[in-house]
Amino acid sequence: MKKRALALCLALLLILAGCGKKAGPEPEPEPEDTYPVLPAEPEPEPEPEVPAGTNPLTGLPMEPEQERLRPIAVMLNNLKAAQPQLGISQADIIYEVPVEGGITRMLGVYQTVEDVEILGSIRSARPYFVELALGHDAIYVHAGGSQEAYSDLYSWKVDHMDGVRGGGDAKIFWRDQERRRNNGYEHSLITSGEKILDYLSTAKFSTEHNAAWSYPQTFTEDGTPSGGEAAQKVQLRFSAYKTAVFDYDAGSGKYLVSQYGKEHVDGSTGNQVSATNVLVLETSTAVLDSEGRLRVKTTGEGSGTFFCGGRAEAIHWSREDRNSPFAYTLENGAPLPLGQGNSYVCIISPKTSTLQYE
């Protein structure tokens, strides 16, 4: 009896289980709202920080603590055999002046040599280059000099670094072995901005102008003469040996420099030498000795031509004494503002040099 009751219970359970609903697939979840993922807005580029100071030699911004520095004026060899020059493209002002035998030499003036790596090759002093350096209250870097130049360096108490007769300052110079092999011994003496600054840190010289010093040159954003003549190409024949060519490049707003029949390229930076302002100053010269050394008048006054923005304008230059900077005026007597940027100043005798432009 008990077995029968148990069987009936089991049967009943099976029937009930069979009557249950068969489980179906899980229902699909309701889709959530979706939106396209947009790219994040790029962070705006920060505006480049413009130094609050002004370079007195170019009118361009520079760090305020560098405004009152005494410039460094470096004698640079410009013989064809000495090419390429090193560091010349970084000069704020380049002076090119004839020396003996129809060759020219350059004085590169740098408000600071902080970012100038290699400079050279360094050559000897001449009195009129010393005068040009004094006009900027600059510290003069050279290697040797004419006897008259040495006399002037000492009698005028010029702060200078000499790679030939120097004392501790001679340590800033060295012979570049590659240039010695390729260019010759006399064209191999070089220095660097770092070595110059290291030497100046010993407090041998005052590195800042005194309170009374001022540089009167003014600058404008665009120095292109409003009148004048077209001057897209300027050709200055210093002598049968050396001709400088300045081609105006509208893209950069500068004159690109060539010499010895090709682009004048800085061997240190790889950049072609260029200038916002080109000035050709006429003066008198005289041969002094059998070596052909010259006397070049850098004081007094004279005529000149100013080139900027592809145009030319007649100007007048004056300089009170060797310790004064050049003053430039227009034909009407108004001060000449230069374009903001570097300058290339050529000092010539109209008796021995010719200037053409178109």
Protein backbone atom coordinates (compact mmCIF):
# COMPACT_ATOMS: atom_id res chain seq x y z
CA MET A 1 0.00 0.00 0.00
CA LYS A 2 2.81 2.32 0.90
CA LYS A 3 4.59 1.52 -2.35
CA ARG A 4 1.51 2.40 -4.34
CA ALA A 5 1.10 5.77 -2.62
CA LEU A 6 4.75 6.60 -3.27
CA ALA A 7 4.38 5.74 -6.96
CA LEU A 8 1.31 7.92 -7.25
CA CYS A 9 3.19 10.87 -5.68
CA LEU A 10 6.08 10.47 -8.10
CA ALA A 11 3.73 10.30 -11.07
CA LEU A 12 1.97 13.42 -9.90
CA LEU A 13 5.25 15.29 -9.59
CA LEU A 14 6.27 14.30 -13.13
CA ILE A 15 2.93 15.47 -14.52
CA LEU A 16 3.27 18.81 -12.77
CA ALA A 17 6.80 19.25 -14.07
CA GLY A 18 5.69 18.54 -17.61
CA CYS A 19 2.94 21.09 -17.35
CA GLY A 20 5.46 23.89 -16.57
CA LYS A 21 6.41 26.41 -19.28
CA LYS A 22 9.64 25.73 -21.15
CA ALA A 23 12.22 28.47 -20.45
CA GLY A 24 12.88 30.67 -23.51
CA PRO A 25 15.95 32.74 -24.45
CA GLU A 26 16.85 35.72 -22.29
CA PRO A 27 15.21 38.90 -23.63
CA GLU A 28 17.50 41.36 -25.42
CA PRO A 29 18.33 44.38 -23.22
CA GLU A 30 16.83 47.66 -24.27
CA PRO A 31 19.49 49.57 -26.26
CA GLU A 32 20.93 52.58 -24.49
CA ASP A 33 21.08 55.95 -26.19
CA THR A 34 24.43 56.32 -28.02
CA TYR A 35 26.15 59.44 -29.37
CA PRO A 36 29.21 59.85 -31.67
CA VAL A 37 32.46 60.40 -29.80
CA LEU A 38 33.89 63.73 -30.84
CA PRO A 39 37.64 64.39 -30.74
CA ALA A 40 38.80 66.51 -27.86
CA GLU A 41 39.41 70.16 -28.64
CA PRO A 42 43.18 70.68 -29.07
CA GLU A 43 44.84 72.83 -26.48
CA PRO A 44 45.64 76.24 -28.00
CA GLU A 45 49.33 76.79 -28.72
CA PRO A 46 50.79 79.12 -26.12
CA GLU A 47 51.84 82.48 -27.46
CA PRO A 48 55.62 82.67 -27.69
CA GLU A 49 57.03 84.74 -24.89
CA VAL A 50 58.51 87.97 -26.21
CA PRO A 51 61.41 89.32 -24.17
CA ALA A 52 60.68 92.67 -22.59
CA GLY A 53 64.02 94.25 -23.52
CA THR A 54 65.27 95.68 -26.82
CA ASN A 55 68.55 94.97 -28.58
CA PRO A 56 70.08 98.43 -29.11
CA LEU A 57 71.90 97.25 -32.26
CA THR A 58 68.84 95.80 -34.03
CA GLY A 59 65.70 97.16 -32.39
CA LEU A 60 64.49 93.58 -31.89
CA PRO A 61 63.34 92.09 -28.57
CA MET A 62 65.95 90.66 -26.22
CA GLU A 63 66.23 89.85 -22.54
CA PRO A 64 66.25 93.05 -20.44
CA GLU A 65 69.47 92.07 -18.66
CA GLN A 66 71.29 92.03 -22.01
CA GLU A 67 70.34 95.56 -23.09
CA ARG A 68 73.18 97.29 -21.24
CA LEU A 69 75.88 94.77 -22.12
CA ARG A 70 78.96 96.00 -23.92
CA PRO A 71 78.97 94.32 -27.35
CA ILE A 72 81.69 91.95 -28.50
CA ALA A 73 83.45 93.12 -31.69
CA VAL A 74 85.31 90.33 -33.51
CA MET A 75 87.87 90.71 -36.31
CA LEU A 76 86.99 88.19 -39.03
CA ASN A 77 89.20 87.09 -41.90
CA ASN A 78 87.58 87.52 -45.31
CA LEU A 79 90.17 86.18 -47.72
CA LYS A 80 88.80 83.75 -50.27
CA ALA A 81 91.16 81.09 -48.90
CA ALA A 82 89.68 81.58 -45.42
CA GLN A 83 86.09 80.74 -46.38
CA PRO A 84 83.78 79.75 -44.88
CA GLN A 85 83.65 82.24 -42.08
CA LEU A 86 82.21 80.98 -38.80
CA GLY A 87 79.53 82.80 -36.79
CA ILE A 88 79.33 85.78 -39.15
CA SER A 89 75.60 85.29 -39.86
CA GLN A 90 74.79 85.85 -36.16
CA ALA A 91 76.34 89.31 -35.97
CA ASP A 92 74.00 92.20 -35.21
CA ILE A 93 76.18 94.53 -37.29
CA ILE A 94 78.78 93.57 -39.90
CA TYR A 95 81.34 96.18 -40.94
CA GLU A 96 83.28 95.40 -44.12
CA VAL A 97 86.23 97.64 -44.89
CA PRO A 98 89.18 97.36 -47.30
CA VAL A 99 92.62 96.52 -45.97
CA GLU A 100 95.91 96.18 -47.84
CA GLY A 101 96.12 94.72 -51.33
CA GLY A 102 92.45 95.21 -52.26
CA ILE A 103 91.22 92.59 -49.79
CA THR A 104 88.58 93.29 -47.17
CA ARG A 105 88.20 92.36 -43.54
CA MET A 106 85.08 92.25 -41.41
CA LEU A 107 84.18 93.33 -37.90
CA GLY A 108 81.24 91.40 -36.51
CA VAL A 109 79.51 93.20 -33.61
CA TYR A 110 77.40 91.04 -31.28
CA GLN A 111 75.24 92.47 -28.50
CA THR A 112 75.65 89.08 -26.87
CA VAL A 113 77.63 85.98 -27.88
CA GLU A 114 75.61 83.73 -25.60
CA ASP A 115 74.26 81.61 -28.46
CA VAL A 116 77.22 81.97 -30.81
CA GLU A 117 79.13 78.70 -30.98
CA ILE A 118 82.21 79.10 -33.18
CA LEU A 119 83.73 82.38 -34.41
CA GLY A 120 86.48 82.74 -36.94
CA SER A 121 88.81 82.74 -38.42
CA ILE A 122 90.17 85.55 -36.25
CA ARG A 123 92.52 88.06 -37.85
CA SER A 124 94.66 91.03 -36.94
CA ALA A 125 93.69 94.54 -35.91
CA ARG A 126 93.88 97.74 -37.93
CA PRO A 127 93.44 101.21 -36.34
CA TYR A 128 90.13 101.98 -38.08
CA PHE A 129 88.60 98.69 -36.92
CA VAL A 130 89.64 99.57 -33.37
CA GLU A 131 87.87 102.91 -33.85
CA LEU A 132 84.71 101.14 -35.04
CA ALA A 133 84.74 98.92 -31.95
CA LEU A 134 85.21 101.94 -29.68
CA GLY A 135 82.17 103.57 -31.31
CA HIS A 136 80.09 100.80 -29.75
CA ASP A 137 82.00 100.75 -26.43
CA ALA A 138 82.70 97.14 -27.41
CA ILE A 139 85.19 94.58 -26.14
CA TYR A 140 87.51 93.90 -29.08
CA VAL A 141 88.58 90.38 -30.13
CA HIS A 142 91.52 90.03 -32.56
CA ALA A 143 94.69 88.08 -33.29
CA GLY A 144 97.69 90.35 -33.69
CA GLY A 145 97.72 93.67 -35.46
CA SER A 146 99.73 96.29 -37.25
CA GLN A 147 102.22 98.22 -35.13
CA GLU A 148 100.00 101.30 -35.30
CA ALA A 149 97.00 99.25 -34.19
CA TYR A 150 98.91 97.91 -31.17
CA SER A 151 99.98 101.43 -30.27
CA ASP A 152 96.37 102.60 -30.43
CA LEU A 153 95.07 99.63 -28.40
CA TYR A 154 97.33 100.55 -25.50
CA SER A 155 97.25 104.34 -25.72
CA TRP A 156 93.45 104.36 -26.02
CA LYS A 157 93.14 101.76 -23.22
CA VAL A 158 90.97 99.48 -25.33
CA ASP A 159 89.56 96.39 -23.59
CA HIS A 160 90.63 93.63 -25.94
CA MET A 161 91.43 89.90 -26.25
CA ASP A 162 94.44 89.06 -28.39
CA GLY A 163 95.19 85.63 -29.85
CA VAL A 164 98.83 86.51 -30.56
CA ARG A 165 100.26 88.68 -27.76
CA GLY A 166 97.57 88.03 -25.20
CA GLY A 167 98.09 86.79 -21.67
CA GLY A 168 95.28 84.86 -20.04
CA ASP A 169 92.94 86.04 -22.77
CA ALA A 170 94.92 84.01 -25.34
CA LYS A 171 93.33 80.90 -23.81
CA ILE A 172 90.04 81.70 -25.52
CA PHE A 173 91.60 80.93 -28.94
CA TRP A 174 92.61 77.63 -30.52
CA ARG A 175 93.69 76.25 -33.88
CA ASP A 176 91.05 74.22 -35.68
CA GLN A 177 92.86 71.22 -37.13
CA GLU A 178 90.49 70.71 -40.05
CA ARG A 179 90.81 74.35 -41.10
CA ARG A 180 94.56 74.11 -40.62
CA ARG A 181 94.66 71.23 -43.12
CA ASN A 182 92.17 72.66 -45.60
CA ASN A 183 92.65 76.43 -45.32
CA GLY A 184 96.16 76.86 -43.98
CA TYR A 185 97.66 77.75 -40.62
CA GLU A 186 96.96 81.50 -40.81
CA HIS A 187 93.24 80.88 -41.40
CA SER A 188 92.71 78.37 -38.59
CA LEU A 189 92.53 80.48 -35.40
CA ILE A 190 89.03 80.45 -33.91
CA THR A 191 87.19 81.11 -30.67
CA SER A 192 83.65 80.65 -29.32
CA GLY A 193 80.98 82.58 -27.51
CA GLU A 194 81.32 80.24 -24.55
CA LYS A 195 85.06 80.83 -24.17
CA ILE A 196 84.62 84.60 -24.48
CA LEU A 197 81.94 84.61 -21.79
CA ASP A 198 84.01 82.35 -19.53
CA TYR A 199 86.89 84.80 -19.74
CA LEU A 200 84.63 87.79 -19.14
CA SER A 201 83.26 86.09 -16.02
CA THR A 202 86.69 86.56 -14.42
CA ALA A 203 85.85 90.30 -14.18
CA LYS A 204 88.88 91.31 -16.22
CA PHE A 205 86.74 93.92 -18.00
CA SER A 206 83.54 95.73 -17.20
CA THR A 207 80.83 93.94 -19.18
CA GLU A 208 78.19 96.69 -19.01
CA HIS A 209 78.08 100.25 -20.36
CA ASN A 210 78.44 102.99 -17.82
CA ALA A 211 75.35 104.98 -16.94
CA ALA A 212 76.17 107.80 -19.37
CA TRP A 213 76.44 105.57 -22.45
CA SER A 214 73.68 105.73 -25.06
CA TYR A 215 73.27 104.42 -28.58
CA PRO A 216 71.10 106.91 -30.48
CA GLN A 217 70.04 104.76 -33.44
CA THR A 218 66.28 104.37 -33.84
CA PHE A 219 64.43 101.52 -35.56
CA THR A 220 61.08 101.01 -37.22
CA GLU A 221 59.19 97.84 -38.09
CA ASP A 222 59.51 98.53 -41.81
CA GLY A 223 62.51 100.61 -42.79
CA THR A 224 61.79 100.59 -46.54
CA PRO A 225 62.41 104.10 -47.91
CA SER A 226 59.14 105.72 -48.94
CA GLY A 227 60.82 107.30 -51.95
CA GLY A 228 64.14 106.51 -53.49
CA GLU A 229 64.86 104.04 -56.23
CA ALA A 230 64.36 100.33 -56.81
CA ALA A 231 67.26 98.27 -55.48
CA GLN A 232 66.48 94.60 -55.80
CA LYS A 233 70.11 93.82 -56.59
CA VAL A 234 73.05 95.73 -55.15
CA GLN A 235 76.60 95.19 -56.36
CA LEU A 236 79.53 96.76 -54.57
CA ARG A 237 82.95 96.34 -56.13
CA PHE A 238 85.46 97.02 -53.36
CA SER A 239 88.40 96.21 -55.65
CA ALA A 240 89.46 93.89 -58.45
CA TYR A 241 89.77 91.21 -55.76
CA LYS A 242 86.46 91.55 -53.91
CA THR A 243 82.87 92.27 -54.98
CA ALA A 244 79.90 91.98 -52.63
CA VAL A 245 76.43 91.26 -54.01
CA PHE A 246 73.17 91.81 -52.10
CA ASP A 247 69.99 90.28 -53.57
CA TYR A 248 66.71 91.35 -52.00
CA ASP A 249 64.49 88.47 -50.88
CA ALA A 250 60.90 89.64 -50.41
CA GLY A 251 59.98 86.49 -48.47
CA SER A 252 62.38 87.23 -45.64
CA GLY A 253 62.56 90.99 -46.13
CA LYS A 254 66.34 90.75 -46.18
CA TYR A 255 69.23 91.15 -48.56
CA LEU A 256 71.01 87.83 -49.17
CA VAL A 257 74.77 88.21 -49.45
CA SER A 258 77.10 86.65 -52.02
CA GLN A 259 80.82 87.02 -52.53
CA TYR A 260 83.52 85.38 -54.63
CA GLY A 261 80.86 84.35 -57.13
CA LYS A 262 78.69 82.30 -54.76
CA GLU A 263 76.40 82.55 -51.74
CA HIS A 264 78.12 83.74 -48.59
CA VAL A 265 77.35 80.86 -46.25
CA ASP A 266 78.27 80.71 -42.57
CA GLY A 267 80.24 77.50 -42.00
CA SER A 268 79.12 77.33 -38.37
CA THR A 269 75.34 77.74 -38.81
CA GLY A 270 74.92 76.73 -42.48
CA ASN A 271 72.90 79.92 -43.06
CA GLN A 272 73.49 82.38 -45.86
CA VAL A 273 74.59 85.75 -44.54
CA SER A 274 71.75 88.27 -44.82
CA ALA A 275 70.86 91.75 -43.61
CA THR A 276 67.74 93.84 -43.12
CA ASN A 277 69.72 97.04 -43.62
CA VAL A 278 72.63 97.59 -46.00
CA LEU A 279 74.54 100.86 -45.74
CA VAL A 280 77.36 101.98 -48.03
CA LEU A 281 79.35 104.85 -46.51
CA GLU A 282 81.78 106.89 -48.59
CA THR A 283 84.99 108.15 -46.98
CA SER A 284 88.63 108.86 -47.81
CA THR A 285 91.45 106.32 -47.69
CA ALA A 286 95.20 106.57 -48.09
CA VAL A 287 98.01 104.02 -48.48
CA LEU A 288 100.43 104.24 -45.57
CA ASP A 289 103.41 102.01 -46.36
CA SER A 290 105.05 99.61 -48.78
CA GLU A 291 102.83 96.82 -47.45
CA GLY A 292 99.81 98.69 -48.77
CA ARG A 293 98.26 99.24 -45.34
CA LEU A 294 95.54 101.88 -45.34
CA ARG A 295 94.36 104.77 -43.31
CA VAL A 296 90.56 104.85 -43.45
CA LYS A 297 88.73 107.90 -42.13
CA THR A 298 85.85 106.84 -39.87
CA THR A 299 85.14 110.18 -38.20
CA GLY A 300 83.80 113.45 -39.55
CA GLU A 301 81.03 113.14 -42.13
CA GLY A 302 80.22 111.98 -45.62
CA SER A 303 77.67 110.70 -48.09
CA GLY A 304 76.17 107.25 -48.26
CA THR A 305 73.39 105.06 -49.59
CA PHE A 306 70.84 103.15 -47.53
CA PHE A 307 69.18 99.95 -48.79
CA CYS A 308 66.16 98.35 -47.15
CA GLY A 309 63.06 96.55 -48.41
CA GLY A 310 64.36 96.48 -51.97
CA ARG A 311 64.73 100.25 -52.28
CA ALA A 312 67.62 102.71 -52.03
CA GLU A 313 67.89 106.17 -50.52
CA ALA A 314 70.71 108.72 -50.31
CA ILE A 315 71.84 109.45 -46.75
CA HIS A 316 74.44 111.41 -44.81
CA TRP A 317 76.68 109.94 -42.09
CA SER A 318 78.56 111.68 -39.31
CA ARG A 319 80.69 110.69 -36.35
CA GLU A 320 82.12 113.11 -33.82
CA ASP A 321 85.13 111.09 -32.66
CA ARG A 322 86.37 107.52 -32.32
CA ASN A 323 84.31 106.96 -29.17
CA SER A 324 81.05 107.98 -30.84
CA PRO A 325 78.70 105.78 -32.87
CA PHE A 326 77.71 106.61 -36.44
CA ALA A 327 74.75 108.93 -36.86
CA TYR A 328 72.70 108.55 -40.05
CA THR A 329 70.41 111.23 -41.46
CA LEU A 330 68.25 111.66 -44.53
CA GLU A 331 69.01 114.35 -47.09
CA ASN A 332 66.51 116.67 -45.36
CA GLY A 333 68.45 116.34 -42.11
CA ALA A 334 65.95 114.07 -40.33
CA PRO A 335 67.37 111.04 -38.46
CA LEU A 336 67.31 107.81 -40.48
CA PRO A 337 65.38 105.02 -38.77
CA LEU A 338 66.71 101.59 -39.69
CA GLY A 339 64.48 98.59 -40.20
CA GLN A 340 64.27 96.28 -37.20
CA GLY A 341 66.96 93.70 -37.80
CA ASN A 342 70.67 93.38 -38.43
CA SER A 343 72.79 95.73 -40.53
CA TYR A 344 75.65 95.32 -42.99
CA VAL A 345 77.81 98.45 -43.24
CA CYS A 346 80.33 98.82 -46.09
CA ILE A 347 82.91 101.58 -45.80
CA ILE A 348 84.51 102.52 -49.11
CA SER A 349 86.43 105.16 -51.00
CA PRO A 350 84.51 106.27 -54.12
CA LYS A 351 87.92 106.64 -55.81
CA THR A 352 88.67 102.93 -55.63
CA SER A 353 85.23 101.26 -55.28
CA THR A 354 82.04 101.33 -57.36
CA LEU A 355 78.41 100.86 -56.36
CA GLN A 356 75.63 99.74 -58.72
CA TYR A 357 72.03 98.71 -58.05
CA GLU A 358 68.84 98.03 -59.98
